[in-house]
Amino acid sequence: MTATLARYPQRGEIWWMPFPTDPPGKGRRPVIVVSPNARNSHPNAGTILVIPLSTSIQKLSPAHLLLRSGETGLRMDCVAWADNISVVRREDLAEPVAGHRAVTNSQICRLAALVAISMGCINTPPS
């Protein structure tokens, strides 16, 4: 899928893409852009750092962050899988849907701490 983006993704925004680790044919899923805006908009940077979202909230792990639909603007509550953080091609992202709200800097920093937990670098979840 090759697309020309009308604008660059901003940190905290929810974009859509076929996620690299999903089975073929699964379709697009929402992802949170977590890389800094300087990287996201750099003309020579073709990749973006993202964390995938899932509606499988019954499978929570210590590296997952529950996000309520009222917080994100998505139709359902979802989970950010910090243990599945990925670098993806910017051209594979589809722009946010109207009504989606960006995740706050505070939530992105919580996700960063959860990435550290998934790497075995921290023993307790952030407060």
C-alpha atoms as a PDB file:
ATOM      1  CA  MET A   1       0.000   0.000   0.000  1.00  0.00           C
ATOM      2  CA  THR A   2       1.587   3.238  -1.072  1.00  0.00           C
ATOM      3  CA  ALA A   3      -0.094   6.471  -0.111  1.00  0.00           C
ATOM      4  CA  THR A   4       0.825  10.112  -0.255  1.00  0.00           C
ATOM      5  CA  LEU A   5       0.039  11.711   3.066  1.00  0.00           C
ATOM      6  CA  ALA A   6      -1.520  15.166   3.073  1.00  0.00           C
ATOM      7  CA  ARG A   7       0.332  15.902   6.303  1.00  0.00           C
ATOM      8  CA  TYR A   8       2.791  14.298   8.687  1.00  0.00           C
ATOM      9  CA  PRO A   9       1.614  12.228  11.655  1.00  0.00           C
ATOM     10  CA  GLN A  10       1.830  14.025  14.984  1.00  0.00           C
ATOM     11  CA  ARG A  11       2.908  12.404  18.249  1.00  0.00           C
ATOM     12  CA  GLY A  12      -0.123  11.049  20.090  1.00  0.00           C
ATOM     13  CA  GLU A  13      -2.396  10.864  17.046  1.00  0.00           C
ATOM     14  CA  ILE A  14      -4.269   7.690  16.179  1.00  0.00           C
ATOM     15  CA  TRP A  15      -3.669   6.613  12.573  1.00  0.00           C
ATOM     16  CA  TRP A  16      -4.676   3.401  10.763  1.00  0.00           C
ATOM     17  CA  MET A  17      -2.575   0.777   9.005  1.00  0.00           C
ATOM     18  CA  PRO A  18      -2.208  -2.920   8.280  1.00  0.00           C
ATOM     19  CA  PHE A  19       0.075  -3.781  11.210  1.00  0.00           C
ATOM     20  CA  PRO A  20       3.248  -5.710  10.243  1.00  0.00           C
ATOM     21  CA  THR A  21       2.797  -8.508  12.802  1.00  0.00           C
ATOM     22  CA  ASP A  22      -0.891  -9.112  12.065  1.00  0.00           C
ATOM     23  CA  PRO A  23      -1.842 -12.108   9.908  1.00  0.00           C
ATOM     24  CA  PRO A  24      -2.222 -11.424   6.165  1.00  0.00           C
ATOM     25  CA  GLY A  25      -5.667 -10.132   5.266  1.00  0.00           C
ATOM     26  CA  LYS A  26      -6.483  -8.861   8.774  1.00  0.00           C
ATOM     27  CA  GLY A  27      -6.960  -5.324   7.511  1.00  0.00           C
ATOM     28  CA  ARG A  28      -6.119  -2.049   9.162  1.00  0.00           C
ATOM     29  CA  ARG A  29      -5.911  -1.399  12.880  1.00  0.00           C
ATOM     30  CA  PRO A  30      -5.482   1.848  14.828  1.00  0.00           C
ATOM     31  CA  VAL A  31      -1.997   2.743  16.045  1.00  0.00           C
ATOM     32  CA  ILE A  32      -0.734   5.544  18.285  1.00  0.00           C
ATOM     33  CA  VAL A  33       2.140   7.587  16.869  1.00  0.00           C
ATOM     34  CA  VAL A  34       4.748   7.777  19.659  1.00  0.00           C
ATOM     35  CA  SER A  35       7.834   9.086  17.859  1.00  0.00           C
ATOM     36  CA  PRO A  36       8.704  12.794  18.264  1.00  0.00           C
ATOM     37  CA  ASN A  37       7.283  15.262  15.744  1.00  0.00           C
ATOM     38  CA  ALA A  38      10.794  16.210  14.599  1.00  0.00           C
ATOM     39  CA  ARG A  39      11.300  12.639  13.414  1.00  0.00           C
ATOM     40  CA  ASN A  40       7.787  12.287  12.010  1.00  0.00           C
ATOM     41  CA  SER A  41       8.120  15.345   9.793  1.00  0.00           C
ATOM     42  CA  HIS A  42      11.771  15.000   8.767  1.00  0.00           C
ATOM     43  CA  PRO A  43      11.890  14.808   4.962  1.00  0.00           C
ATOM     44  CA  ASN A  44      14.505  12.010   5.007  1.00  0.00           C
ATOM     45  CA  ALA A  45      12.753   9.883   7.636  1.00  0.00           C
ATOM     46  CA  GLY A  46      10.489   7.347   6.010  1.00  0.00           C
ATOM     47  CA  THR A  47       9.539   5.596   9.235  1.00  0.00           C
ATOM     48  CA  ILE A  48       7.384   6.330  12.279  1.00  0.00           C
ATOM     49  CA  LEU A  49       7.386   4.687  15.716  1.00  0.00           C
ATOM     50  CA  VAL A  50       3.916   3.393  16.650  1.00  0.00           C
ATOM     51  CA  ILE A  51       2.124   1.283  19.247  1.00  0.00           C
ATOM     52  CA  PRO A  52      -0.827  -0.818  18.039  1.00  0.00           C
ATOM     53  CA  LEU A  53      -4.274  -0.732  19.610  1.00  0.00           C
ATOM     54  CA  SER A  54      -6.584  -3.697  20.146  1.00  0.00           C
ATOM     55  CA  THR A  55     -10.152  -4.120  21.340  1.00  0.00           C
ATOM     56  CA  SER A  56      -9.157  -7.394  23.070  1.00  0.00           C
ATOM     57  CA  ILE A  57      -9.245  -5.816  26.513  1.00  0.00           C
ATOM     58  CA  GLN A  58      -9.758  -9.147  28.289  1.00  0.00           C
ATOM     59  CA  LYS A  59      -6.107 -10.048  27.525  1.00  0.00           C
ATOM     60  CA  LEU A  60      -4.396  -7.335  29.582  1.00  0.00           C
ATOM     61  CA  SER A  61      -0.748  -7.787  30.505  1.00  0.00           C
ATOM     62  CA  PRO A  62       1.623  -5.582  32.544  1.00  0.00           C
ATOM     63  CA  ALA A  63       2.775  -3.936  29.276  1.00  0.00           C
ATOM     64  CA  HIS A  64      -0.751  -2.988  28.127  1.00  0.00           C
ATOM     65  CA  LEU A  65      -2.476   0.350  28.730  1.00  0.00           C
ATOM     66  CA  LEU A  66      -6.281   0.503  28.760  1.00  0.00           C
ATOM     67  CA  LEU A  67      -7.641   3.506  26.860  1.00  0.00           C
ATOM     68  CA  ARG A  68     -11.320   4.368  27.162  1.00  0.00           C
ATOM     69  CA  SER A  69     -13.321   5.301  24.072  1.00  0.00           C
ATOM     70  CA  GLY A  70     -14.123   8.695  25.587  1.00  0.00           C
ATOM     71  CA  GLU A  71     -10.402   9.409  25.755  1.00  0.00           C
ATOM     72  CA  THR A  72      -9.545   8.355  22.186  1.00  0.00           C
ATOM     73  CA  GLY A  73     -12.727   8.998  20.233  1.00  0.00           C
ATOM     74  CA  LEU A  74     -12.668   5.393  18.994  1.00  0.00           C
ATOM     75  CA  ARG A  75     -15.981   3.492  19.026  1.00  0.00           C
ATOM     76  CA  MET A  76     -14.791   1.045  21.700  1.00  0.00           C
ATOM     77  CA  ASP A  77     -12.413   0.884  24.643  1.00  0.00           C
ATOM     78  CA  CYS A  78      -9.047  -0.464  23.540  1.00  0.00           C
ATOM     79  CA  VAL A  79      -5.641  -1.526  24.771  1.00  0.00           C
ATOM     80  CA  ALA A  80      -2.308  -0.080  23.671  1.00  0.00           C
ATOM     81  CA  TRP A  81       0.178  -2.956  23.321  1.00  0.00           C
ATOM     82  CA  ALA A  82       3.429  -1.342  24.487  1.00  0.00           C
ATOM     83  CA  ASP A  83       5.107  -4.739  24.157  1.00  0.00           C
ATOM     84  CA  ASN A  84       4.492  -4.581  20.397  1.00  0.00           C
ATOM     85  CA  ILE A  85       6.016  -1.155  19.659  1.00  0.00           C
ATOM     86  CA  SER A  86       7.133  -1.032  16.028  1.00  0.00           C
ATOM     87  CA  VAL A  87       8.846   1.082  13.424  1.00  0.00           C
ATOM     88  CA  VAL A  88       6.595   1.308  10.359  1.00  0.00           C
ATOM     89  CA  ARG A  89       6.819   3.001   7.006  1.00  0.00           C
ATOM     90  CA  ARG A  90       5.204   6.418   7.069  1.00  0.00           C
ATOM     91  CA  GLU A  91       3.639   5.736   3.658  1.00  0.00           C
ATOM     92  CA  ASP A  92       1.671   2.791   5.108  1.00  0.00           C
ATOM     93  CA  LEU A  93      -0.283   5.023   7.491  1.00  0.00           C
ATOM     94  CA  ALA A  94      -3.822   6.181   6.722  1.00  0.00           C
ATOM     95  CA  GLU A  95      -4.873   9.522   8.178  1.00  0.00           C
ATOM     96  CA  PRO A  96      -6.920   9.696  11.379  1.00  0.00           C
ATOM     97  CA  VAL A  97     -10.675   9.390  11.231  1.00  0.00           C
ATOM     98  CA  ALA A  98     -12.694  12.485  12.139  1.00  0.00           C
ATOM     99  CA  GLY A  99     -13.520  12.433  15.838  1.00  0.00           C
ATOM    100  CA  HIS A 100     -10.420  10.571  16.976  1.00  0.00           C
ATOM    101  CA  ARG A 101      -8.546  12.394  19.707  1.00  0.00           C
ATOM    102  CA  ALA A 102      -4.801  12.374  20.219  1.00  0.00           C
ATOM    103  CA  VAL A 103      -3.439  10.544  23.237  1.00  0.00           C
ATOM    104  CA  THR A 104      -1.925  12.920  25.807  1.00  0.00           C
ATOM    105  CA  ASN A 105       1.808  13.320  26.407  1.00  0.00           C
ATOM    106  CA  SER A 106       1.249  11.878  29.881  1.00  0.00           C
ATOM    107  CA  GLN A 107      -0.239   8.690  28.370  1.00  0.00           C
ATOM    108  CA  ILE A 108       2.636   8.431  25.867  1.00  0.00           C
ATOM    109  CA  CYS A 109       5.116   8.658  28.742  1.00  0.00           C
ATOM    110  CA  ARG A 110       3.183   5.888  30.539  1.00  0.00           C
ATOM    111  CA  LEU A 111       3.482   3.826  27.351  1.00  0.00           C
ATOM    112  CA  ALA A 112       7.252   4.463  27.313  1.00  0.00           C
ATOM    113  CA  ALA A 113       7.477   3.097  30.863  1.00  0.00           C
ATOM    114  CA  LEU A 114       5.443   0.053  29.770  1.00  0.00           C
ATOM    115  CA  VAL A 115       7.875  -0.537  26.888  1.00  0.00           C
ATOM    116  CA  ALA A 116      10.658  -0.626  29.502  1.00  0.00           C
ATOM    117  CA  ILE A 117       8.650  -3.184  31.516  1.00  0.00           C
ATOM    118  CA  SER A 118       8.214  -5.349  28.413  1.00  0.00           C
ATOM    119  CA  MET A 119      12.007  -5.260  27.967  1.00  0.00           C
ATOM    120  CA  GLY A 120      12.566  -6.362  31.569  1.00  0.00           C
ATOM    121  CA  CYS A 121      14.089  -3.027  32.589  1.00  0.00           C
ATOM    122  CA  ILE A 122      11.561  -2.096  35.296  1.00  0.00           C
ATOM    123  CA  ASN A 123       9.879  -4.391  37.803  1.00  0.00           C
ATOM    124  CA  THR A 124       6.839  -2.307  38.723  1.00  0.00           C
ATOM    125  CA  PRO A 125       4.295  -0.527  36.507  1.00  0.00           C
ATOM    126  CA  PRO A 126       4.205   3.294  36.518  1.00  0.00           C
ATOM    127  CA  SER A 127       1.687   4.988  38.754  1.00  0.00           C
END
